[in-house]
Structures are given as C-alpha cells and as structure tokens.
Amino acid sequence: ENSRGIKFNKPPAFQKAPRQPKKKHELLKTGTIVKVASRTGPGENLPGGVARITEVHVDKEKDTILYDVAYVLGGREKDVGAEYVTEDKKEEAPRKRKKREIFKPQLEEQKEAIQKKLKG
C-alpha cells in the first residue's frame, strides 16, 4: 500500500520461493579426492578446486559436517561446509589403453605392391 492508500499486488517473480529442505550429505572419508566449490564475492575470495580431505568434523548438535582439505595445487583450508564439497568421480574410472594401428593400411598397400613386382 502506498501513501495514497492504493494496494499493489506483487508479481509472482518477486514472491519468495518455498524453502527447500536441507540436502543430506554423505560422509566422505579422509584421503578422498574432492572438488571444492568456488566461494567468491564481496569480502570473500575462496576459489576452490581439487583437494584431498585431511580431516572430517561432525557436529551432531548442529547437524553439520565440516572438512579440512589440502588443495592439489597447494594450500589448505579448514572447516569447509559439506554443501561445498563433492566427491571427484574421475579417480574411479581410469582410461583404458587402445592399441594404435596408424600405419597398417599403408603397410598393406606397400606389401601388395612389392608382391606384384616380385611376381611380374
């Protein structure tokens, strides 16, 4: 309502979204390779990255999980919230090696040409 007594309806885009229940995070073990989300903004400069968990802190009263991590490219961070940490799945499935056959068609052609010369 404004100073003249006119009521305005809020457009749907400005209404608050219903609260989502807190997502339960699975407990990750010490030594697990994880990705830490970037947390940058005014007064905060935590770029995140790939890290290894060094310690796990579980606070049952506050129902929170916090991790101490050591980044692969250097540096450490303590008490990172579980909502910023996800397990890095790349470690589980290494790439399989394939046998290369780059020159095989050319070698076959050369072999056939040599055999024709020997016969003829």
C-alpha atoms as a PDB file:
ATOM      1  CA  GLU A   1       0.000   0.000   0.000  1.00  0.00           C
ATOM      2  CA  ASN A   2       1.382   3.412  -0.906  1.00  0.00           C
ATOM      3  CA  SER A   3       0.826   6.834   0.754  1.00  0.00           C
ATOM      4  CA  ARG A   4      -2.459   7.331  -1.126  1.00  0.00           C
ATOM      5  CA  GLY A   5      -3.911   4.036   0.060  1.00  0.00           C
ATOM      6  CA  ILE A   6      -3.528   2.166  -3.244  1.00  0.00           C
ATOM      7  CA  LYS A   7      -2.763  -1.528  -2.829  1.00  0.00           C
ATOM      8  CA  PHE A   8      -0.343  -3.195  -5.222  1.00  0.00           C
ATOM      9  CA  ASN A   9      -0.172  -6.906  -5.866  1.00  0.00           C
ATOM     10  CA  LYS A  10       3.313  -8.377  -6.002  1.00  0.00           C
ATOM     11  CA  PRO A  11       4.143 -10.026  -9.309  1.00  0.00           C
ATOM     12  CA  PRO A  12       4.799 -13.783  -8.966  1.00  0.00           C
ATOM     13  CA  ALA A  13       8.515 -13.359  -9.774  1.00  0.00           C
ATOM     14  CA  PHE A  14       9.074 -11.373  -6.566  1.00  0.00           C
ATOM     15  CA  GLN A  15       7.302 -13.754  -4.216  1.00  0.00           C
ATOM     16  CA  LYS A  16       9.545 -15.911  -2.067  1.00  0.00           C
ATOM     17  CA  ALA A  17      10.166 -19.411  -3.315  1.00  0.00           C
ATOM     18  CA  PRO A  18       9.149 -22.190  -0.926  1.00  0.00           C
ATOM     19  CA  ARG A  19      12.026 -23.297   1.300  1.00  0.00           C
ATOM     20  CA  GLN A  20      13.749 -26.456   0.197  1.00  0.00           C
ATOM     21  CA  PRO A  21      14.608 -28.972   2.917  1.00  0.00           C
ATOM     22  CA  LYS A  22      18.316 -29.213   3.685  1.00  0.00           C
ATOM     23  CA  LYS A  23      20.011 -31.766   1.466  1.00  0.00           C
ATOM     24  CA  LYS A  24      21.626 -34.595   3.418  1.00  0.00           C
ATOM     25  CA  HIS A  25      25.284 -35.007   2.513  1.00  0.00           C
ATOM     26  CA  GLU A  26      27.008 -38.356   2.626  1.00  0.00           C
ATOM     27  CA  LEU A  27      30.028 -38.530   4.891  1.00  0.00           C
ATOM     28  CA  LEU A  28      33.279 -38.627   2.896  1.00  0.00           C
ATOM     29  CA  LYS A  29      36.369 -40.379   4.251  1.00  0.00           C
ATOM     30  CA  THR A  30      39.768 -38.878   4.984  1.00  0.00           C
ATOM     31  CA  GLY A  31      42.021 -39.140   1.913  1.00  0.00           C
ATOM     32  CA  THR A  32      39.159 -38.863  -0.606  1.00  0.00           C
ATOM     33  CA  ILE A  33      39.802 -36.638  -3.644  1.00  0.00           C
ATOM     34  CA  VAL A  34      37.068 -33.979  -3.843  1.00  0.00           C
ATOM     35  CA  LYS A  35      36.098 -30.836  -5.737  1.00  0.00           C
ATOM     36  CA  VAL A  36      35.565 -27.774  -3.561  1.00  0.00           C
ATOM     37  CA  ALA A  37      33.158 -25.183  -4.984  1.00  0.00           C
ATOM     38  CA  SER A  38      34.330 -21.623  -5.584  1.00  0.00           C
ATOM     39  CA  ARG A  39      33.158 -19.151  -2.946  1.00  0.00           C
ATOM     40  CA  THR A  40      33.956 -15.677  -4.194  1.00  0.00           C
ATOM     41  CA  GLY A  41      32.108 -12.452  -3.656  1.00  0.00           C
ATOM     42  CA  PRO A  42      32.388  -9.164  -1.785  1.00  0.00           C
ATOM     43  CA  GLY A  43      34.801  -9.769   1.092  1.00  0.00           C
ATOM     44  CA  GLU A  44      35.257 -13.445   0.248  1.00  0.00           C
ATOM     45  CA  ASN A  45      37.899 -14.917  -2.060  1.00  0.00           C
ATOM     46  CA  LEU A  46      37.941 -18.707  -1.828  1.00  0.00           C
ATOM     47  CA  PRO A  47      38.495 -20.063  -5.351  1.00  0.00           C
ATOM     48  CA  GLY A  48      38.036 -23.769  -4.509  1.00  0.00           C
ATOM     49  CA  GLY A  49      39.444 -26.539  -6.716  1.00  0.00           C
ATOM     50  CA  VAL A  50      40.521 -30.171  -6.457  1.00  0.00           C
ATOM     51  CA  ALA A  51      41.591 -31.201  -2.962  1.00  0.00           C
ATOM     52  CA  ARG A  52      42.176 -34.161  -0.648  1.00  0.00           C
ATOM     53  CA  ILE A  53      40.254 -34.432   2.640  1.00  0.00           C
ATOM     54  CA  THR A  54      42.649 -34.321   5.603  1.00  0.00           C
ATOM     55  CA  GLU A  55      40.116 -34.315   8.466  1.00  0.00           C
ATOM     56  CA  VAL A  56      36.373 -34.721   8.969  1.00  0.00           C
ATOM     57  CA  HIS A  57      34.458 -32.875  11.719  1.00  0.00           C
ATOM     58  CA  VAL A  58      30.891 -33.974  12.530  1.00  0.00           C
ATOM     59  CA  ASP A  59      28.855 -31.741  14.857  1.00  0.00           C
ATOM     60  CA  LYS A  60      25.814 -33.789  15.902  1.00  0.00           C
ATOM     61  CA  GLU A  61      24.227 -30.935  17.866  1.00  0.00           C
ATOM     62  CA  LYS A  62      24.171 -28.571  14.873  1.00  0.00           C
ATOM     63  CA  ASP A  63      23.774 -31.468  12.387  1.00  0.00           C
ATOM     64  CA  THR A  64      26.687 -30.265  10.238  1.00  0.00           C
ATOM     65  CA  ILE A  65      29.674 -31.869   8.540  1.00  0.00           C
ATOM     66  CA  LEU A  66      32.864 -29.837   8.063  1.00  0.00           C
ATOM     67  CA  TYR A  67      36.009 -30.872   6.204  1.00  0.00           C
ATOM     68  CA  ASP A  68      39.642 -29.797   6.374  1.00  0.00           C
ATOM     69  CA  VAL A  69      41.149 -30.046   2.879  1.00  0.00           C
ATOM     70  CA  ALA A  70      44.564 -29.743   1.226  1.00  0.00           C
ATOM     71  CA  TYR A  71      44.412 -28.484  -2.357  1.00  0.00           C
ATOM     72  CA  VAL A  72      46.286 -30.419  -5.059  1.00  0.00           C
ATOM     73  CA  LEU A  73      47.839 -27.218  -6.444  1.00  0.00           C
ATOM     74  CA  GLY A  74      48.883 -26.080  -2.962  1.00  0.00           C
ATOM     75  CA  GLY A  75      47.235 -24.523   0.044  1.00  0.00           C
ATOM     76  CA  ARG A  76      44.908 -25.706   2.787  1.00  0.00           C
ATOM     77  CA  GLU A  77      41.503 -24.766   4.079  1.00  0.00           C
ATOM     78  CA  LYS A  78      39.773 -25.685   7.339  1.00  0.00           C
ATOM     79  CA  ASP A  79      36.098 -26.147   8.177  1.00  0.00           C
ATOM     80  CA  VAL A  80      34.687 -26.245   4.643  1.00  0.00           C
ATOM     81  CA  GLY A  81      30.951 -26.964   4.719  1.00  0.00           C
ATOM     82  CA  ALA A  82      29.716 -30.231   3.186  1.00  0.00           C
ATOM     83  CA  GLU A  83      27.489 -28.284   0.761  1.00  0.00           C
ATOM     84  CA  TYR A  84      30.645 -27.006  -0.984  1.00  0.00           C
ATOM     85  CA  VAL A  85      32.377 -30.410  -1.240  1.00  0.00           C
ATOM     86  CA  THR A  86      31.601 -33.102  -3.847  1.00  0.00           C
ATOM     87  CA  GLU A  87      33.470 -36.331  -4.495  1.00  0.00           C
ATOM     88  CA  ASP A  88      35.630 -36.306  -7.632  1.00  0.00           C
ATOM     89  CA  LYS A  89      34.494 -39.320  -9.676  1.00  0.00           C
ATOM     90  CA  LYS A  90      37.381 -39.161 -12.191  1.00  0.00           C
ATOM     91  CA  GLU A  91      39.600 -41.207  -9.894  1.00  0.00           C
ATOM     92  CA  GLU A  92      37.371 -44.292 -10.166  1.00  0.00           C
ATOM     93  CA  ALA A  93      37.413 -44.964 -13.924  1.00  0.00           C
ATOM     94  CA  PRO A  94      40.871 -44.663 -15.481  1.00  0.00           C
ATOM     95  CA  ARG A  95      41.074 -44.518 -19.234  1.00  0.00           C
ATOM     96  CA  LYS A  96      41.791 -47.825 -20.957  1.00  0.00           C
ATOM     97  CA  ARG A  97      44.665 -48.014 -23.403  1.00  0.00           C
ATOM     98  CA  LYS A  98      43.845 -48.757 -27.030  1.00  0.00           C
ATOM     99  CA  LYS A  99      46.210 -50.388 -29.486  1.00  0.00           C
ATOM    100  CA  ARG A 100      47.052 -47.984 -32.307  1.00  0.00           C
ATOM    101  CA  GLU A 101      47.061 -49.040 -35.936  1.00  0.00           C
ATOM    102  CA  ILE A 102      48.135 -45.851 -37.677  1.00  0.00           C
ATOM    103  CA  PHE A 103      50.293 -47.240 -40.494  1.00  0.00           C
ATOM    104  CA  LYS A 104      48.564 -50.564 -41.088  1.00  0.00           C
ATOM    105  CA  PRO A 105      46.653 -49.555 -44.303  1.00  0.00           C
ATOM    106  CA  GLN A 106      49.818 -48.028 -45.830  1.00  0.00           C
ATOM    107  CA  LEU A 107      51.886 -51.101 -44.978  1.00  0.00           C
ATOM    108  CA  GLU A 108      49.309 -53.369 -46.617  1.00  0.00           C
ATOM    109  CA  GLU A 109      49.455 -51.298 -49.826  1.00  0.00           C
ATOM    110  CA  GLN A 110      53.270 -51.393 -49.870  1.00  0.00           C
ATOM    111  CA  LYS A 111      53.281 -55.149 -49.235  1.00  0.00           C
ATOM    112  CA  GLU A 112      50.894 -55.745 -52.155  1.00  0.00           C
ATOM    113  CA  ALA A 113      52.994 -53.525 -54.462  1.00  0.00           C
ATOM    114  CA  ILE A 114      56.179 -55.432 -53.577  1.00  0.00           C
ATOM    115  CA  GLN A 115      54.477 -58.790 -54.167  1.00  0.00           C
ATOM    116  CA  LYS A 116      53.276 -57.638 -57.626  1.00  0.00           C
ATOM    117  CA  LYS A 117      56.817 -56.557 -58.569  1.00  0.00           C
ATOM    118  CA  LEU A 118      58.259 -59.896 -57.454  1.00  0.00           C
ATOM    119  CA  LYS A 119      55.689 -61.896 -59.451  1.00  0.00           C
ATOM    120  CA  GLY A 120      55.768 -59.810 -62.574  1.00  0.00           C
END
